[in-house]
PDB file of N, CA and C in Angstrom:
ATOM      1  N   MET A   1      24.178   0.159 -41.845  1.00  0.00           N
ATOM      2  CA  MET A   1      23.207   0.750 -40.900  1.00  0.00           C
ATOM      3  C   MET A   1      21.981   1.032 -41.863  1.00  0.00           C
ATOM      4  N   SER A   2      22.343   1.451 -43.076  1.00  0.00           N
ATOM      5  CA  SER A   2      20.990   1.747 -43.924  1.00  0.00           C
ATOM      6  C   SER A   2      21.376   1.719 -45.343  1.00  0.00           C
ATOM      7  N   ARG A   3      20.628   2.113 -46.307  1.00  0.00           N
ATOM      8  CA  ARG A   3      20.894   1.876 -47.672  1.00  0.00           C
ATOM      9  C   ARG A   3      21.449   3.340 -48.312  1.00  0.00           C
ATOM     10  N   ASN A   4      20.944   3.996 -47.744  1.00  0.00           N
ATOM     11  CA  ASN A   4      21.874   5.391 -48.296  1.00  0.00           C
ATOM     12  C   ASN A   4      21.876   6.646 -47.159  1.00  0.00           C
ATOM     13  N   VAL A   5      22.439   7.712 -47.406  1.00  0.00           N
ATOM     14  CA  VAL A   5      22.950   8.634 -46.501  1.00  0.00           C
ATOM     15  C   VAL A   5      21.754   9.438 -45.729  1.00  0.00           C
ATOM     16  N   ASP A   6      20.457   9.809 -46.642  1.00  0.00           N
ATOM     17  CA  ASP A   6      19.342  10.231 -45.866  1.00  0.00           C
ATOM     18  C   ASP A   6      18.936   9.330 -44.812  1.00  0.00           C
ATOM     19  N   GLU A   7      18.640   8.332 -45.107  1.00  0.00           N
ATOM     20  CA  GLU A   7      17.987   7.159 -44.338  1.00  0.00           C
ATOM     21  C   GLU A   7      18.855   6.850 -43.074  1.00  0.00           C
ATOM     22  N   GLY A   8      20.169   6.962 -43.305  1.00  0.00           N
ATOM     23  CA  GLY A   8      21.175   6.496 -42.222  1.00  0.00           C
ATOM     24  C   GLY A   8      21.295   7.706 -41.255  1.00  0.00           C
ATOM     25  N   PHE A   9      21.184   9.092 -41.709  1.00  0.00           N
ATOM     26  CA  PHE A   9      21.440  10.188 -40.762  1.00  0.00           C
ATOM     27  C   PHE A   9      19.821  10.237 -40.008  1.00  0.00           C
ATOM     28  N   CYS A  10      18.860   9.926 -40.625  1.00  0.00           N
ATOM     29  CA  CYS A  10      17.618  10.192 -39.831  1.00  0.00           C
ATOM     30  C   CYS A  10      17.371   8.905 -38.778  1.00  0.00           C
ATOM     31  N   LEU A  11      17.820   7.638 -39.182  1.00  0.00           N
ATOM     32  CA  LEU A  11      17.989   6.689 -38.318  1.00  0.00           C
ATOM     33  C   LEU A  11      18.925   7.069 -37.055  1.00  0.00           C
ATOM     34  N   TYR A  12      20.198   7.719 -37.291  1.00  0.00           N
ATOM     35  CA  TYR A  12      21.079   7.900 -36.453  1.00  0.00           C
ATOM     36  C   TYR A  12      20.419   9.041 -35.419  1.00  0.00           C
ATOM     37  N   GLU A  13      19.848  10.086 -35.742  1.00  0.00           N
ATOM     38  CA  GLU A  13      19.128  11.038 -35.279  1.00  0.00           C
ATOM     39  C   GLU A  13      17.939  10.233 -34.307  1.00  0.00           C
ATOM     40  N   GLU A  14      17.260   9.585 -34.832  1.00  0.00           N
ATOM     41  CA  GLU A  14      16.247   8.729 -34.235  1.00  0.00           C
ATOM     42  C   GLU A  14      16.743   7.919 -32.998  1.00  0.00           C
ATOM     43  N   LEU A  15      17.573   7.104 -33.181  1.00  0.00           N
ATOM     44  CA  LEU A  15      18.268   6.407 -32.130  1.00  0.00           C
ATOM     45  C   LEU A  15      19.096   7.287 -31.134  1.00  0.00           C
ATOM     46  N   TYR A  16      19.440   8.405 -31.688  1.00  0.00           N
ATOM     47  CA  TYR A  16      20.280   9.316 -30.575  1.00  0.00           C
ATOM     48  C   TYR A  16      19.227   9.889 -29.716  1.00  0.00           C
ATOM     49  N   ASN A  17      18.392  10.407 -30.118  1.00  0.00           N
ATOM     50  CA  ASN A  17      17.269  10.809 -29.548  1.00  0.00           C
ATOM     51  C   ASN A  17      16.447  10.069 -28.666  1.00  0.00           C
ATOM     52  N   LYS A  18      16.647   8.617 -28.735  1.00  0.00           N
ATOM     53  CA  LYS A  18      15.942   7.736 -27.947  1.00  0.00           C
ATOM     54  C   LYS A  18      16.883   7.344 -26.846  1.00  0.00           C
ATOM     55  N   GLY A  19      18.172   7.866 -26.893  1.00  0.00           N
ATOM     56  CA  GLY A  19      19.194   7.620 -25.715  1.00  0.00           C
ATOM     57  C   GLY A  19      19.934   6.217 -25.946  1.00  0.00           C
ATOM     58  N   ILE A  20      19.925   6.070 -27.192  1.00  0.00           N
ATOM     59  CA  ILE A  20      20.573   4.786 -27.546  1.00  0.00           C
ATOM     60  C   ILE A  20      22.030   5.072 -28.325  1.00  0.00           C
ATOM     61  N   GLU A  21      23.061   4.334 -27.617  1.00  0.00           N
ATOM     62  CA  GLU A  21      24.405   4.872 -27.695  1.00  0.00           C
ATOM     63  C   GLU A  21      24.997   4.070 -29.212  1.00  0.00           C
ATOM     64  N   LEU A  22      25.432   4.713 -30.327  1.00  0.00           N
ATOM     65  CA  LEU A  22      25.903   3.910 -31.035  1.00  0.00           C
ATOM     66  C   LEU A  22      27.582   4.079 -31.094  1.00  0.00           C
ATOM     67  N   VAL A  23      28.079   2.852 -31.602  1.00  0.00           N
ATOM     68  CA  VAL A  23      29.476   2.970 -31.515  1.00  0.00           C
ATOM     69  C   VAL A  23      29.801   2.492 -33.061  1.00  0.00           C
ATOM     70  N   PHE A  24      30.688   3.214 -33.579  1.00  0.00           N
ATOM     71  CA  PHE A  24      31.283   2.812 -35.113  1.00  0.00           C
ATOM     72  C   PHE A  24      32.731   2.539 -34.961  1.00  0.00           C
ATOM     73  N   LEU A  25      32.752   1.123 -35.278  1.00  0.00           N
ATOM     74  CA  LEU A  25      34.417   0.864 -35.141  1.00  0.00           C
ATOM     75  C   LEU A  25      35.657   1.397 -36.145  1.00  0.00           C
ATOM     76  N   LYS A  26      34.894   1.623 -37.332  1.00  0.00           N
ATOM     77  CA  LYS A  26      35.764   2.491 -38.365  1.00  0.00           C
ATOM     78  C   LYS A  26      35.611   3.721 -38.170  1.00  0.00           C
ATOM     79  N   GLU A  27      34.474   4.332 -37.822  1.00  0.00           N
ATOM     80  CA  GLU A  27      34.235   5.819 -37.784  1.00  0.00           C
ATOM     81  C   GLU A  27      33.967   6.280 -36.107  1.00  0.00           C
ATOM     82  N   PRO A  28      34.938   6.377 -35.377  1.00  0.00           N
ATOM     83  CA  PRO A  28      34.529   6.573 -34.082  1.00  0.00           C
ATOM     84  C   PRO A  28      34.374   8.130 -33.954  1.00  0.00           C
ATOM     85  N   HIS A  29      34.680   8.925 -34.670  1.00  0.00           N
ATOM     86  CA  HIS A  29      34.670  10.263 -34.671  1.00  0.00           C
ATOM     87  C   HIS A  29      32.911  10.808 -34.726  1.00  0.00           C
ATOM     88  N   ILE A  30      32.154   9.601 -35.112  1.00  0.00           N
ATOM     89  CA  ILE A  30      30.544   9.866 -35.134  1.00  0.00           C
ATOM     90  C   ILE A  30      29.871   9.041 -34.441  1.00  0.00           C
ATOM     91  N   ASN A  31      30.633   8.478 -33.410  1.00  0.00           N
ATOM     92  CA  ASN A  31      29.799   7.813 -32.070  1.00  0.00           C
ATOM     93  C   ASN A  31      28.906   8.751 -31.477  1.00  0.00           C
ATOM     94  N   THR A  32      27.778   8.290 -31.194  1.00  0.00           N
ATOM     95  CA  THR A  32      26.826   8.894 -30.589  1.00  0.00           C
ATOM     96  C   THR A  32      27.329   9.853 -29.069  1.00  0.00           C
ATOM     97  N   SER A  33      28.495   9.140 -28.507  1.00  0.00           N
ATOM     98  CA  SER A  33      29.064  10.057 -27.265  1.00  0.00           C
ATOM     99  C   SER A  33      29.805  11.102 -27.809  1.00  0.00           C
ATOM    100  N   THR A  34      30.503  11.118 -29.074  1.00  0.00           N
ATOM    101  CA  THR A  34      31.064  12.171 -29.728  1.00  0.00           C
ATOM    102  C   THR A  34      29.994  13.262 -30.022  1.00  0.00           C
ATOM    103  N   TYR A  35      29.003  12.983 -30.417  1.00  0.00           N
ATOM    104  CA  TYR A  35      27.819  13.666 -31.039  1.00  0.00           C
ATOM    105  C   TYR A  35      27.133  14.464 -29.690  1.00  0.00           C
ATOM    106  N   LYS A  36      27.027  13.578 -28.694  1.00  0.00           N
ATOM    107  CA  LYS A  36      26.509  14.218 -27.453  1.00  0.00           C
ATOM    108  C   LYS A  36      27.603  15.431 -26.872  1.00  0.00           C
ATOM    109  N   LYS A  37      28.871  14.908 -26.814  1.00  0.00           N
ATOM    110  CA  LYS A  37      29.856  15.948 -26.259  1.00  0.00           C
ATOM    111  C   LYS A  37      29.852  17.347 -26.973  1.00  0.00           C
ATOM    112  N   ALA A  38      29.734  17.310 -28.332  1.00  0.00           N
ATOM    113  CA  ALA A  38      29.344  18.347 -29.402  1.00  0.00           C
ATOM    114  C   ALA A  38      28.206  19.255 -28.607  1.00  0.00           C
ATOM    115  N   LEU A  39      26.792  18.427 -28.493  1.00  0.00           N
ATOM    116  CA  LEU A  39      25.784  19.233 -27.884  1.00  0.00           C
ATOM    117  C   LEU A  39      26.263  19.842 -26.681  1.00  0.00           C
ATOM    118  N   GLU A  40      26.706  19.248 -25.652  1.00  0.00           N
ATOM    119  CA  GLU A  40      26.802  19.393 -24.277  1.00  0.00           C
ATOM    120  C   GLU A  40      27.971  20.611 -24.257  1.00  0.00           C
ATOM    121  N   SER A  41      28.807  20.805 -25.128  1.00  0.00           N
ATOM    122  CA  SER A  41      29.882  21.517 -24.925  1.00  0.00           C
ATOM    123  C   SER A  41      29.563  22.996 -25.658  1.00  0.00           C
ATOM    124  N   ASN A  42      28.092  23.209 -25.482  1.00  0.00           N
ATOM    125  CA  ASN A  42      28.056  24.538 -25.954  1.00  0.00           C
ATOM    126  C   ASN A  42      28.691  25.710 -25.313  1.00  0.00           C
ATOM    127  N   ILE A  43      29.005  26.883 -25.724  1.00  0.00           N
ATOM    128  CA  ILE A  43      29.556  27.826 -25.131  1.00  0.00           C
ATOM    129  C   ILE A  43      28.366  28.537 -24.291  1.00  0.00           C
ATOM    130  N   SER A  44      28.552  29.054 -23.056  1.00  0.00           N
ATOM    131  CA  SER A  44      27.824  29.650 -22.268  1.00  0.00           C
ATOM    132  C   SER A  44      27.466  30.963 -22.691  1.00  0.00           C
ATOM    133  N   MET A  45      26.133  31.299 -22.597  1.00  0.00           N
ATOM    134  CA  MET A  45      25.756  32.753 -22.897  1.00  0.00           C
ATOM    135  C   MET A  45      25.989  33.574 -21.923  1.00  0.00           C
ATOM    136  N   THR A  46      26.310  34.825 -22.249  1.00  0.00           N
ATOM    137  CA  THR A  46      26.879  35.782 -21.427  1.00  0.00           C
ATOM    138  C   THR A  46      25.448  36.848 -20.948  1.00  0.00           C
ATOM    139  N   GLY A  47      24.612  36.734 -21.520  1.00  0.00           N
ATOM    140  CA  GLY A  47      23.151  37.706 -21.341  1.00  0.00           C
ATOM    141  C   GLY A  47      23.685  39.051 -21.964  1.00  0.00           C
ATOM    142  N   THR A  48      24.746  39.213 -22.623  1.00  0.00           N
ATOM    143  CA  THR A  48      24.879  40.433 -23.467  1.00  0.00           C
ATOM    144  C   THR A  48      24.675  40.249 -24.935  1.00  0.00           C
ATOM    145  N   ASN A  49      25.056  41.385 -25.660  1.00  0.00           N
ATOM    146  CA  ASN A  49      25.067  41.223 -26.981  1.00  0.00           C
ATOM    147  C   ASN A  49      25.951  40.251 -27.633  1.00  0.00           C
ATOM    148  N   VAL A  50      27.040  39.962 -26.726  1.00  0.00           N
ATOM    149  CA  VAL A  50      27.902  38.803 -27.125  1.00  0.00           C
ATOM    150  C   VAL A  50      27.214  37.572 -27.550  1.00  0.00           C
ATOM    151  N   GLY A  51      26.259  37.438 -26.633  1.00  0.00           N
ATOM    152  CA  GLY A  51      25.283  36.164 -26.696  1.00  0.00           C
ATOM    153  C   GLY A  51      24.899  35.641 -28.127  1.00  0.00           C
ATOM    154  N   PHE A  52      24.564  37.007 -28.937  1.00  0.00           N
ATOM    155  CA  PHE A  52      24.247  36.606 -30.333  1.00  0.00           C
ATOM    156  C   PHE A  52      25.403  35.756 -31.088  1.00  0.00           C
ATOM    157  N   ILE A  53      26.642  36.069 -30.739  1.00  0.00           N
ATOM    158  CA  ILE A  53      27.867  35.558 -31.482  1.00  0.00           C
ATOM    159  C   ILE A  53      28.065  34.367 -31.014  1.00  0.00           C
ATOM    160  N   LEU A  54      27.937  34.277 -29.685  1.00  0.00           N
ATOM    161  CA  LEU A  54      28.039  32.594 -28.899  1.00  0.00           C
ATOM    162  C   LEU A  54      27.013  31.816 -29.651  1.00  0.00           C
ATOM    163  N   GLU A  55      25.993  32.394 -29.727  1.00  0.00           N
ATOM    164  CA  GLU A  55      24.720  31.439 -30.250  1.00  0.00           C
ATOM    165  C   GLU A  55      25.084  30.972 -31.603  1.00  0.00           C
ATOM    166  N   GLY A  56      25.619  31.774 -32.323  1.00  0.00           N
ATOM    167  CA  GLY A  56      26.141  31.600 -33.775  1.00  0.00           C
ATOM    168  C   GLY A  56      27.181  30.320 -33.750  1.00  0.00           C
ATOM    169  N   VAL A  57      28.259  30.904 -32.953  1.00  0.00           N
ATOM    170  CA  VAL A  57      29.018  29.683 -32.746  1.00  0.00           C
ATOM    171  C   VAL A  57      28.657  28.361 -32.481  1.00  0.00           C
ATOM    172  N   ASN A  58      27.763  28.414 -31.639  1.00  0.00           N
ATOM    173  CA  ASN A  58      27.084  27.005 -30.764  1.00  0.00           C
ATOM    174  C   ASN A  58      26.382  26.205 -32.064  1.00  0.00           C
ATOM    175  N   LYS A  59      25.522  27.163 -33.083  1.00  0.00           N
ATOM    176  CA  LYS A  59      25.034  26.667 -34.191  1.00  0.00           C
ATOM    177  C   LYS A  59      26.075  26.001 -35.156  1.00  0.00           C
ATOM    178  N   TYR A  60      26.921  26.774 -35.558  1.00  0.00           N
ATOM    179  CA  TYR A  60      27.894  26.204 -36.150  1.00  0.00           C
ATOM    180  C   TYR A  60      28.661  24.892 -35.844  1.00  0.00           C
ATOM    181  N   LEU A  61      28.998  24.685 -34.478  1.00  0.00           N
ATOM    182  CA  LEU A  61      29.705  23.858 -33.943  1.00  0.00           C
ATOM    183  C   LEU A  61      28.766  22.382 -34.271  1.00  0.00           C
ATOM    184  N   MET A  62      27.333  22.583 -34.050  1.00  0.00           N
ATOM    185  CA  MET A  62      26.289  21.677 -34.101  1.00  0.00           C
ATOM    186  C   MET A  62      26.136  21.403 -35.775  1.00  0.00           C
ATOM    187  N   SER A  63      26.124  22.385 -36.458  1.00  0.00           N
ATOM    188  CA  SER A  63      26.208  21.931 -37.842  1.00  0.00           C
ATOM    189  C   SER A  63      27.407  21.215 -38.317  1.00  0.00           C
ATOM    190  N   LEU A  64      28.722  21.686 -37.723  1.00  0.00           N
ATOM    191  CA  LEU A  64      29.887  20.872 -38.127  1.00  0.00           C
ATOM    192  C   LEU A  64      29.705  19.331 -37.597  1.00  0.00           C
ATOM    193  N   ALA A  65      29.136  19.170 -36.631  1.00  0.00           N
ATOM    194  CA  ALA A  65      29.081  17.588 -35.931  1.00  0.00           C
ATOM    195  C   ALA A  65      27.928  17.118 -36.807  1.00  0.00           C
ATOM    196  N   LYS A  66      26.890  17.526 -37.606  1.00  0.00           N
ATOM    197  CA  LYS A  66      25.990  16.936 -38.453  1.00  0.00           C
ATOM    198  C   LYS A  66      26.647  16.624 -39.775  1.00  0.00           C
ATOM    199  N   GLU A  67      27.285  17.513 -39.905  1.00  0.00           N
ATOM    200  CA  GLU A  67      27.916  17.339 -41.261  1.00  0.00           C
ATOM    201  C   GLU A  67      29.204  16.255 -41.161  1.00  0.00           C
ATOM    202  N   GLN A  68      29.790  16.051 -40.125  1.00  0.00           N
ATOM    203  CA  GLN A  68      30.845  14.894 -40.275  1.00  0.00           C
ATOM    204  C   GLN A  68      29.878  13.601 -40.010  1.00  0.00           C
ATOM    205  N   ILE A  69      28.724  13.747 -39.558  1.00  0.00           N
ATOM    206  CA  ILE A  69      28.139  12.308 -39.605  1.00  0.00           C
ATOM    207  C   ILE A  69      27.557  12.036 -40.752  1.00  0.00           C
ATOM    208  N   ARG A  70      27.000  13.186 -41.736  1.00  0.00           N
ATOM    209  CA  ARG A  70      26.527  12.769 -43.175  1.00  0.00           C
ATOM    210  C   ARG A  70      27.813  12.407 -43.865  1.00  0.00           C
ATOM    211  N   LEU A  71      28.788  12.874 -43.841  1.00  0.00           N
ATOM    212  CA  LEU A  71      29.915  12.696 -44.599  1.00  0.00           C
ATOM    213  C   LEU A  71      30.361  11.148 -44.394  1.00  0.00           C
ATOM    214  N   ALA A  72      30.321  10.818 -43.156  1.00  0.00           N
ATOM    215  CA  ALA A  72      30.759   9.377 -42.923  1.00  0.00           C
ATOM    216  C   ALA A  72      29.663   8.375 -43.767  1.00  0.00           C
ATOM    217  N   PHE A  73      28.401   8.773 -43.588  1.00  0.00           N
ATOM    218  CA  PHE A  73      27.331   7.908 -44.262  1.00  0.00           C
ATOM    219  C   PHE A  73      27.670   8.017 -45.605  1.00  0.00           C
ATOM    220  N   GLU A  74      27.862   9.241 -46.203  1.00  0.00           N
ATOM    221  CA  GLU A  74      27.993   9.195 -47.843  1.00  0.00           C
ATOM    222  C   GLU A  74      29.198   8.585 -48.169  1.00  0.00           C
ATOM    223  N   GLN A  75      30.433   8.193 -47.392  1.00  0.00           N
ATOM    224  CA  GLN A  75      31.511   7.514 -47.520  1.00  0.00           C
ATOM    225  C   GLN A  75      31.016   5.790 -47.657  1.00  0.00           C
ATOM    226  N   SER A  76      30.476   5.664 -46.780  1.00  0.00           N
ATOM    227  CA  SER A  76      29.895   4.253 -46.449  1.00  0.00           C
ATOM    228  C   SER A  76      28.981   3.848 -47.656  1.00  0.00           C
ATOM    229  N   GLU A  77      28.036   4.753 -48.187  1.00  0.00           N
ATOM    230  CA  GLU A  77      27.170   4.519 -49.224  1.00  0.00           C
ATOM    231  C   GLU A  77      27.860   4.316 -50.561  1.00  0.00           C
ATOM    232  N   LYS A  78      29.109   5.224 -50.797  1.00  0.00           N
ATOM    233  CA  LYS A  78      30.091   5.237 -51.893  1.00  0.00           C
ATOM    234  C   LYS A  78      30.496   3.667 -51.824  1.00  0.00           C
ATOM    235  N   GLU A  79      31.152   3.369 -50.671  1.00  0.00           N
ATOM    236  CA  GLU A  79      31.958   1.880 -50.527  1.00  0.00           C
ATOM    237  C   GLU A  79      30.822   0.722 -51.226  1.00  0.00           C
ATOM    238  N   VAL A  80      29.896   0.882 -50.588  1.00  0.00           N
ATOM    239  CA  VAL A  80      28.778  -0.183 -51.013  1.00  0.00           C
ATOM    240  C   VAL A  80      28.466  -0.145 -52.493  1.00  0.00           C
ATOM    241  N   GLN A  81      28.427   0.984 -53.141  1.00  0.00           N
ATOM    242  CA  GLN A  81      28.189   1.337 -54.448  1.00  0.00           C
ATOM    243  C   GLN A  81      29.268   0.915 -55.319  1.00  0.00           C
ATOM    244  N   ASP A  82      30.446   1.082 -54.634  1.00  0.00           N
ATOM    245  CA  ASP A  82      31.703   0.625 -55.541  1.00  0.00           C
ATOM    246  C   ASP A  82      31.766  -0.684 -55.615  1.00  0.00           C
ATOM    247  N   LEU A  83      31.578  -1.395 -54.198  1.00  0.00           N
ATOM    248  CA  LEU A  83      31.465  -2.994 -54.271  1.00  0.00           C
ATOM    249  C   LEU A  83      30.677  -3.645 -55.312  1.00  0.00           C
ATOM    250  N   HIS A  84      29.157  -2.995 -55.077  1.00  0.00           N
ATOM    251  CA  HIS A  84      28.229  -3.834 -55.955  1.00  0.00           C
ATOM    252  C   HIS A  84      28.769  -3.678 -57.655  1.00  0.00           C
ATOM    253  N   GLN A  85      29.343  -2.412 -57.965  1.00  0.00           N
ATOM    254  CA  GLN A  85      30.156  -2.429 -59.338  1.00  0.00           C
ATOM    255  C   GLN A  85      30.948  -3.324 -59.702  1.00  0.00           C
ATOM    256  N   ARG A  86      32.008  -3.569 -58.611  1.00  0.00           N
ATOM    257  CA  ARG A  86      33.009  -4.521 -58.902  1.00  0.00           C
ATOM    258  C   ARG A  86      32.470  -5.838 -58.814  1.00  0.00           C
ATOM    259  N   THR A  87      31.399  -6.117 -58.009  1.00  0.00           N
ATOM    260  CA  THR A  87      31.081  -7.540 -58.044  1.00  0.00           C
ATOM    261  C   THR A  87      30.318  -7.970 -59.229  1.00  0.00           C
ATOM    262  N   LYS A  88      29.404  -6.815 -59.792  1.00  0.00           N
ATOM    263  CA  LYS A  88      28.853  -7.228 -61.068  1.00  0.00           C
ATOM    264  C   LYS A  88      29.836  -7.113 -62.136  1.00  0.00           C
ATOM    265  N   GLU A  89      30.892  -6.257 -62.091  1.00  0.00           N
ATOM    266  CA  GLU A  89      31.965  -6.524 -63.319  1.00  0.00           C
ATOM    267  C   GLU A  89      32.451  -7.963 -63.112  1.00  0.00           C
ATOM    268  N   GLY A  90      32.743  -8.410 -62.026  1.00  0.00           N
ATOM    269  CA  GLY A  90      33.504  -9.677 -61.840  1.00  0.00           C
ATOM    270  C   GLY A  90      32.532 -10.778 -62.019  1.00  0.00           C
ATOM    271  N   ILE A  91      31.302 -10.464 -62.023  1.00  0.00           N
ATOM    272  CA  ILE A  91      30.332 -11.784 -62.567  1.00  0.00           C
ATOM    273  C   ILE A  91      30.096 -11.869 -64.150  1.00  0.00           C
ATOM    274  N   GLU A  92      30.336 -10.449 -64.491  1.00  0.00           N
ATOM    275  CA  GLU A  92      30.121 -10.230 -65.962  1.00  0.00           C
ATOM    276  C   GLU A  92      31.354 -10.638 -66.708  1.00  0.00           C
ATOM    277  N   SER A  93      32.607 -10.532 -66.069  1.00  0.00           N
ATOM    278  CA  SER A  93      33.953 -11.176 -66.747  1.00  0.00           C
ATOM    279  C   SER A  93      34.053 -12.776 -66.638  1.00  0.00           C
ATOM    280  N   ARG A  94      33.468 -13.185 -65.656  1.00  0.00           N
ATOM    281  CA  ARG A  94      33.465 -14.706 -65.095  1.00  0.00           C
ATOM    282  C   ARG A  94      32.519 -15.345 -66.242  1.00  0.00           C
ATOM    283  N   ILE A  95      31.378 -14.942 -66.768  1.00  0.00           N
ATOM    284  CA  ILE A  95      30.409 -15.393 -67.564  1.00  0.00           C
ATOM    285  C   ILE A  95      30.909 -15.506 -69.051  1.00  0.00           C
ATOM    286  N   ARG A  96      31.969 -14.194 -69.367  1.00  0.00           N
ATOM    287  CA  ARG A  96      32.464 -14.206 -70.610  1.00  0.00           C
ATOM    288  C   ARG A  96      33.362 -15.389 -70.945  1.00  0.00           C
ATOM    289  N   LEU A  97      34.130 -15.478 -69.678  1.00  0.00           N
ATOM    290  CA  LEU A  97      35.256 -16.489 -69.870  1.00  0.00           C
ATOM    291  C   LEU A  97      34.683 -18.053 -69.928  1.00  0.00           C
ATOM    292  N   VAL A  98      33.629 -18.199 -69.579  1.00  0.00           N
ATOM    293  CA  VAL A  98      32.949 -19.648 -69.578  1.00  0.00           C
ATOM    294  C   VAL A  98      32.178 -19.881 -70.908  1.00  0.00           C
TER     295      VAL A  98
END
């Protein structure tokens, strides 16, 4: 989906904000529907001082959802980097054999 974590996360948010549903076959926990549920499942404010605590909990839940998305993109970026490194090493070892 992207070349790096930051680019992927920005693209994810951009597409999400446009109402585009993203489905990840290997990472279903970061599907946009999951993210949307996290946004919509905010705890209702009470109109009292407890509302400050609930607002903090809601912000924490959103932060947690964003972190899960970033972690998934970081893992994907690492897998791509590892694949490039192994491919490079394979080509170099093949050249030495020839």
